[in-house]
PDB file of N, CA and C in Angstrom:
ATOM      1  N   MET A   1      -8.832  59.171 180.752  1.00  0.00           N
ATOM      2  CA  MET A   1      -9.413  60.376 180.335  1.00  0.00           C
ATOM      3  C   MET A   1      -8.534  61.285 179.650  1.00  0.00           C
ATOM      4  N   GLN A   2      -7.119  61.324 179.979  1.00  0.00           N
ATOM      5  CA  GLN A   2      -6.061  62.025 179.330  1.00  0.00           C
ATOM      6  C   GLN A   2      -5.933  61.703 177.966  1.00  0.00           C
ATOM      7  N   GLN A   3      -5.930  60.269 177.679  1.00  0.00           N
ATOM      8  CA  GLN A   3      -5.770  59.837 176.334  1.00  0.00           C
ATOM      9  C   GLN A   3      -7.019  60.334 175.338  1.00  0.00           C
ATOM     10  N   PHE A   4      -8.126  60.209 175.914  1.00  0.00           N
ATOM     11  CA  PHE A   4      -9.306  60.614 175.248  1.00  0.00           C
ATOM     12  C   PHE A   4      -9.152  62.097 174.769  1.00  0.00           C
ATOM     13  N   LEU A   5      -8.763  63.018 175.727  1.00  0.00           N
ATOM     14  CA  LEU A   5      -8.574  64.389 175.364  1.00  0.00           C
ATOM     15  C   LEU A   5      -7.481  64.566 174.410  1.00  0.00           C
ATOM     16  N   ILE A   6      -6.415  63.833 174.322  1.00  0.00           N
ATOM     17  CA  ILE A   6      -5.413  64.038 173.467  1.00  0.00           C
ATOM     18  C   ILE A   6      -5.934  63.601 171.972  1.00  0.00           C
ATOM     19  N   ILE A   7      -6.711  62.493 172.033  1.00  0.00           N
ATOM     20  CA  ILE A   7      -7.250  62.026 170.697  1.00  0.00           C
ATOM     21  C   ILE A   7      -8.292  62.963 170.219  1.00  0.00           C
ATOM     22  N   ALA A   8      -9.147  63.627 171.014  1.00  0.00           N
ATOM     23  CA  ALA A   8     -10.246  64.443 170.627  1.00  0.00           C
ATOM     24  C   ALA A   8      -9.523  65.725 170.133  1.00  0.00           C
ATOM     25  N   LEU A   9      -8.436  66.231 170.715  1.00  0.00           N
ATOM     26  CA  LEU A   9      -7.772  67.511 170.233  1.00  0.00           C
ATOM     27  C   LEU A   9      -7.206  67.206 168.905  1.00  0.00           C
ATOM     28  N   ALA A  10      -6.504  66.068 168.611  1.00  0.00           N
ATOM     29  CA  ALA A  10      -5.863  65.678 167.363  1.00  0.00           C
ATOM     30  C   ALA A  10      -6.975  65.687 166.273  1.00  0.00           C
ATOM     31  N   HIS A  11      -8.195  65.058 166.684  1.00  0.00           N
ATOM     32  CA  HIS A  11      -9.285  64.874 165.740  1.00  0.00           C
ATOM     33  C   HIS A  11      -9.900  66.354 165.445  1.00  0.00           C
ATOM     34  N   PHE A  12      -9.917  67.224 166.294  1.00  0.00           N
ATOM     35  CA  PHE A  12     -10.387  68.474 166.049  1.00  0.00           C
ATOM     36  C   PHE A  12      -9.547  69.240 165.198  1.00  0.00           C
ATOM     37  N   LEU A  13      -8.179  69.166 165.376  1.00  0.00           N
ATOM     38  CA  LEU A  13      -7.160  69.931 164.563  1.00  0.00           C
ATOM     39  C   LEU A  13      -7.342  69.329 163.128  1.00  0.00           C
ATOM     40  N   ALA A  14      -7.401  68.079 162.978  1.00  0.00           N
ATOM     41  CA  ALA A  14      -7.572  67.479 161.760  1.00  0.00           C
ATOM     42  C   ALA A  14      -8.892  67.966 160.781  1.00  0.00           C
ATOM     43  N   LEU A  15      -9.851  68.270 161.758  1.00  0.00           N
ATOM     44  CA  LEU A  15     -11.092  68.712 161.034  1.00  0.00           C
ATOM     45  C   LEU A  15     -10.946  70.207 160.602  1.00  0.00           C
ATOM     46  N   LEU A  16     -10.096  70.808 161.276  1.00  0.00           N
ATOM     47  CA  LEU A  16      -9.837  72.278 160.854  1.00  0.00           C
ATOM     48  C   LEU A  16      -9.193  72.408 159.349  1.00  0.00           C
ATOM     49  N   SER A  17      -8.379  71.371 159.076  1.00  0.00           N
ATOM     50  CA  SER A  17      -7.610  71.504 157.821  1.00  0.00           C
ATOM     51  C   SER A  17      -8.640  71.074 156.506  1.00  0.00           C
ATOM     52  N   PRO A  18      -8.511  71.904 155.602  1.00  0.00           N
ATOM     53  CA  PRO A  18      -9.413  71.500 154.432  1.00  0.00           C
ATOM     54  C   PRO A  18      -8.734  70.342 153.700  1.00  0.00           C
ATOM     55  N   GLY A  19      -9.689  69.446 153.247  1.00  0.00           N
ATOM     56  CA  GLY A  19      -9.249  68.173 152.478  1.00  0.00           C
ATOM     57  C   GLY A  19      -9.581  68.343 151.037  1.00  0.00           C
ATOM     58  N   PRO A  20      -9.433  67.171 150.376  1.00  0.00           N
ATOM     59  CA  PRO A  20      -9.749  67.235 148.921  1.00  0.00           C
ATOM     60  C   PRO A  20     -11.169  67.417 148.589  1.00  0.00           C
ATOM     61  N   ASP A  21     -12.126  67.118 149.559  1.00  0.00           N
ATOM     62  CA  ASP A  21     -13.633  67.366 149.201  1.00  0.00           C
ATOM     63  C   ASP A  21     -13.731  68.895 149.079  1.00  0.00           C
ATOM     64  N   PHE A  22     -13.139  69.738 150.048  1.00  0.00           N
ATOM     65  CA  PHE A  22     -13.221  71.109 150.087  1.00  0.00           C
ATOM     66  C   PHE A  22     -12.790  71.698 148.787  1.00  0.00           C
ATOM     67  N   PHE A  23     -11.587  71.308 148.337  1.00  0.00           N
ATOM     68  CA  PHE A  23     -10.986  71.750 147.104  1.00  0.00           C
ATOM     69  C   PHE A  23     -11.887  71.360 145.878  1.00  0.00           C
ATOM     70  N   LEU A  24     -12.460  70.126 145.787  1.00  0.00           N
ATOM     71  CA  LEU A  24     -13.237  69.784 144.793  1.00  0.00           C
ATOM     72  C   LEU A  24     -14.597  70.650 144.632  1.00  0.00           C
ATOM     73  N   VAL A  25     -15.183  70.927 145.807  1.00  0.00           N
ATOM     74  CA  VAL A  25     -16.392  71.790 145.839  1.00  0.00           C
ATOM     75  C   VAL A  25     -15.943  73.153 145.454  1.00  0.00           C
ATOM     76  N   ALA A  26     -14.848  73.786 145.913  1.00  0.00           N
ATOM     77  CA  ALA A  26     -14.536  75.095 145.685  1.00  0.00           C
ATOM     78  C   ALA A  26     -14.205  75.296 144.292  1.00  0.00           C
ATOM     79  N   ARG A  27     -13.381  74.358 143.650  1.00  0.00           N
ATOM     80  CA  ARG A  27     -13.052  74.417 142.264  1.00  0.00           C
ATOM     81  C   ARG A  27     -14.431  74.289 141.245  1.00  0.00           C
ATOM     82  N   THR A  28     -15.092  73.331 141.709  1.00  0.00           N
ATOM     83  CA  THR A  28     -16.322  73.232 141.005  1.00  0.00           C
ATOM     84  C   THR A  28     -17.328  74.374 140.993  1.00  0.00           C
ATOM     85  N   SER A  29     -17.433  74.967 142.024  1.00  0.00           N
ATOM     86  CA  SER A  29     -18.363  76.073 142.248  1.00  0.00           C
ATOM     87  C   SER A  29     -17.742  77.394 141.462  1.00  0.00           C
ATOM     88  N   VAL A  30     -16.404  77.458 141.474  1.00  0.00           N
ATOM     89  CA  VAL A  30     -15.820  78.634 140.643  1.00  0.00           C
ATOM     90  C   VAL A  30     -15.962  78.433 139.136  1.00  0.00           C
ATOM     91  N   ASN A  31     -15.685  77.069 138.821  1.00  0.00           N
ATOM     92  CA  ASN A  31     -15.698  76.837 137.277  1.00  0.00           C
ATOM     93  C   ASN A  31     -17.060  76.702 136.751  1.00  0.00           C
ATOM     94  N   ALA A  32     -17.984  75.950 137.478  1.00  0.00           N
ATOM     95  CA  ALA A  32     -19.319  75.539 136.845  1.00  0.00           C
ATOM     96  C   ALA A  32     -20.472  76.145 137.539  1.00  0.00           C
ATOM     97  N   GLY A  33     -20.312  76.772 138.705  1.00  0.00           N
ATOM     98  CA  GLY A  33     -21.461  77.374 139.387  1.00  0.00           C
ATOM     99  C   GLY A  33     -22.124  76.519 140.597  1.00  0.00           C
ATOM    100  N   TRP A  34     -22.859  77.256 141.444  1.00  0.00           N
ATOM    101  CA  TRP A  34     -23.393  76.496 142.597  1.00  0.00           C
ATOM    102  C   TRP A  34     -24.199  75.274 142.386  1.00  0.00           C
ATOM    103  N   ARG A  35     -24.994  75.356 141.342  1.00  0.00           N
ATOM    104  CA  ARG A  35     -25.832  74.121 140.945  1.00  0.00           C
ATOM    105  C   ARG A  35     -24.885  72.828 140.819  1.00  0.00           C
ATOM    106  N   ILE A  36     -24.027  72.956 140.023  1.00  0.00           N
ATOM    107  CA  ILE A  36     -23.134  71.869 139.723  1.00  0.00           C
ATOM    108  C   ILE A  36     -22.304  71.346 141.070  1.00  0.00           C
ATOM    109  N   ALA A  37     -21.830  72.321 141.711  1.00  0.00           N
ATOM    110  CA  ALA A  37     -21.260  72.198 143.073  1.00  0.00           C
ATOM    111  C   ALA A  37     -22.138  71.497 144.189  1.00  0.00           C
ATOM    112  N   SER A  38     -23.376  71.891 143.968  1.00  0.00           N
ATOM    113  CA  SER A  38     -24.359  71.174 144.829  1.00  0.00           C
ATOM    114  C   SER A  38     -24.294  69.648 144.699  1.00  0.00           C
ATOM    115  N   GLY A  39     -24.367  69.385 143.261  1.00  0.00           N
ATOM    116  CA  GLY A  39     -24.325  67.952 143.007  1.00  0.00           C
ATOM    117  C   GLY A  39     -23.066  67.153 143.430  1.00  0.00           C
ATOM    118  N   ALA A  40     -21.876  68.026 143.503  1.00  0.00           N
ATOM    119  CA  ALA A  40     -20.665  67.365 144.034  1.00  0.00           C
ATOM    120  C   ALA A  40     -20.863  67.183 145.584  1.00  0.00           C
ATOM    121  N   CYS A  41     -21.412  68.133 146.262  1.00  0.00           N
ATOM    122  CA  CYS A  41     -21.669  68.017 147.666  1.00  0.00           C
ATOM    123  C   CYS A  41     -22.604  66.742 147.944  1.00  0.00           C
ATOM    124  N   LEU A  42     -23.596  66.504 147.123  1.00  0.00           N
ATOM    125  CA  LEU A  42     -24.509  65.413 147.375  1.00  0.00           C
ATOM    126  C   LEU A  42     -23.786  64.122 147.095  1.00  0.00           C
ATOM    127  N   GLY A  43     -22.934  64.091 146.171  1.00  0.00           N
ATOM    128  CA  GLY A  43     -22.138  62.978 145.807  1.00  0.00           C
ATOM    129  C   GLY A  43     -21.144  62.607 147.128  1.00  0.00           C
ATOM    130  N   ILE A  44     -20.538  63.679 147.496  1.00  0.00           N
ATOM    131  CA  ILE A  44     -19.571  63.492 148.699  1.00  0.00           C
ATOM    132  C   ILE A  44     -20.438  62.939 149.945  1.00  0.00           C
ATOM    133  N   ALA A  45     -21.511  63.453 150.173  1.00  0.00           N
ATOM    134  CA  ALA A  45     -22.404  63.047 151.284  1.00  0.00           C
ATOM    135  C   ALA A  45     -22.734  61.654 151.126  1.00  0.00           C
ATOM    136  N   LEU A  46     -23.193  61.117 149.933  1.00  0.00           N
ATOM    137  CA  LEU A  46     -23.737  59.839 149.649  1.00  0.00           C
ATOM    138  C   LEU A  46     -22.528  58.881 149.867  1.00  0.00           C
ATOM    139  N   ALA A  47     -21.304  59.263 149.441  1.00  0.00           N
ATOM    140  CA  ALA A  47     -20.244  58.422 149.524  1.00  0.00           C
ATOM    141  C   ALA A  47     -19.782  58.268 151.051  1.00  0.00           C
ATOM    142  N   ASN A  48     -19.895  59.342 151.928  1.00  0.00           N
ATOM    143  CA  ASN A  48     -19.759  59.336 153.382  1.00  0.00           C
ATOM    144  C   ASN A  48     -20.547  58.370 153.928  1.00  0.00           C
ATOM    145  N   GLY A  49     -21.880  58.415 153.453  1.00  0.00           N
ATOM    146  CA  GLY A  49     -22.858  57.462 154.106  1.00  0.00           C
ATOM    147  C   GLY A  49     -22.677  56.086 153.748  1.00  0.00           C
ATOM    148  N   VAL A  50     -22.127  55.841 152.554  1.00  0.00           N
ATOM    149  CA  VAL A  50     -21.707  54.453 152.252  1.00  0.00           C
ATOM    150  C   VAL A  50     -20.699  53.979 153.087  1.00  0.00           C
ATOM    151  N   PHE A  51     -19.564  54.714 153.402  1.00  0.00           N
ATOM    152  CA  PHE A  51     -18.456  54.455 154.289  1.00  0.00           C
ATOM    153  C   PHE A  51     -18.972  54.128 155.675  1.00  0.00           C
ATOM    154  N   ILE A  52     -19.813  54.990 156.184  1.00  0.00           N
ATOM    155  CA  ILE A  52     -20.333  54.862 157.422  1.00  0.00           C
ATOM    156  C   ILE A  52     -21.095  53.584 157.636  1.00  0.00           C
ATOM    157  N   ALA A  53     -21.971  53.327 156.724  1.00  0.00           N
ATOM    158  CA  ALA A  53     -22.684  51.916 156.602  1.00  0.00           C
ATOM    159  C   ALA A  53     -21.735  50.731 156.665  1.00  0.00           C
ATOM    160  N   MET A  54     -20.650  50.933 155.779  1.00  0.00           N
ATOM    161  CA  MET A  54     -19.668  49.750 155.661  1.00  0.00           C
ATOM    162  C   MET A  54     -18.848  49.623 157.111  1.00  0.00           C
ATOM    163  N   ALA A  55     -18.612  50.848 157.787  1.00  0.00           N
ATOM    164  CA  ALA A  55     -17.939  50.688 158.997  1.00  0.00           C
ATOM    165  C   ALA A  55     -18.802  49.980 160.136  1.00  0.00           C
ATOM    166  N   PHE A  56     -20.084  50.339 160.097  1.00  0.00           N
ATOM    167  CA  PHE A  56     -21.053  49.763 161.034  1.00  0.00           C
ATOM    168  C   PHE A  56     -21.330  48.341 160.753  1.00  0.00           C
ATOM    169  N   THR A  57     -21.354  47.939 159.550  1.00  0.00           N
ATOM    170  CA  THR A  57     -21.523  46.673 159.292  1.00  0.00           C
ATOM    171  C   THR A  57     -20.237  45.836 159.540  1.00  0.00           C
ATOM    172  N   GLY A  58     -19.167  46.285 159.439  1.00  0.00           N
ATOM    173  CA  GLY A  58     -17.913  45.640 159.834  1.00  0.00           C
ATOM    174  C   GLY A  58     -17.742  45.459 161.273  1.00  0.00           C
ATOM    175  N   LEU A  59     -18.309  46.465 162.013  1.00  0.00           N
ATOM    176  CA  LEU A  59     -18.199  46.422 163.492  1.00  0.00           C
ATOM    177  C   LEU A  59     -19.164  45.507 163.966  1.00  0.00           C
ATOM    178  N   SER A  60     -20.374  45.313 163.483  1.00  0.00           N
ATOM    179  CA  SER A  60     -21.352  44.360 163.922  1.00  0.00           C
ATOM    180  C   SER A  60     -20.857  43.078 163.662  1.00  0.00           C
ATOM    181  N   VAL A  61     -20.074  42.710 162.548  1.00  0.00           N
ATOM    182  CA  VAL A  61     -19.530  41.358 162.082  1.00  0.00           C
ATOM    183  C   VAL A  61     -18.523  41.033 163.143  1.00  0.00           C
ATOM    184  N   LEU A  62     -17.681  42.030 163.529  1.00  0.00           N
ATOM    185  CA  LEU A  62     -16.611  41.780 164.545  1.00  0.00           C
ATOM    186  C   LEU A  62     -17.237  41.525 165.915  1.00  0.00           C
ATOM    187  N   GLN A  63     -18.272  42.121 166.233  1.00  0.00           N
ATOM    188  CA  GLN A  63     -18.876  42.015 167.597  1.00  0.00           C
ATOM    189  C   GLN A  63     -19.467  40.610 167.707  1.00  0.00           C
ATOM    190  N   GLU A  64     -19.994  40.067 166.519  1.00  0.00           N
ATOM    191  CA  GLU A  64     -20.504  38.784 166.690  1.00  0.00           C
ATOM    192  C   GLU A  64     -19.515  37.552 166.630  1.00  0.00           C
ATOM    193  N   GLY A  65     -18.264  37.922 166.422  1.00  0.00           N
ATOM    194  CA  GLY A  65     -17.188  37.084 166.562  1.00  0.00           C
ATOM    195  C   GLY A  65     -17.148  36.216 165.251  1.00  0.00           C
ATOM    196  N   SER A  66     -17.827  36.577 164.315  1.00  0.00           N
ATOM    197  CA  SER A  66     -17.745  35.812 162.898  1.00  0.00           C
ATOM    198  C   SER A  66     -16.793  36.534 162.019  1.00  0.00           C
ATOM    199  N   LEU A  67     -16.003  35.669 161.261  1.00  0.00           N
ATOM    200  CA  LEU A  67     -15.108  36.190 160.265  1.00  0.00           C
ATOM    201  C   LEU A  67     -15.803  36.568 158.916  1.00  0.00           C
ATOM    202  N   LEU A  68     -16.775  35.953 158.492  1.00  0.00           N
ATOM    203  CA  LEU A  68     -17.714  36.467 157.539  1.00  0.00           C
ATOM    204  C   LEU A  68     -18.951  35.584 157.514  1.00  0.00           C
TER     205      LEU A  68
END
């Protein structure tokens, strides 16, 4: 349980720091307006969805014991 709490705390602290997505959206909204920045947000969300789907696919392949 102690290891989980340490990892959870580290993950929480990492979430507090702004990443490149934040700076992309902030710069786009200042330079081009909120409508264009909304498109950037949509692109980021879709890319995150693709990465999540790929992670679940890889996990299911590993659980089956197959290499490919």
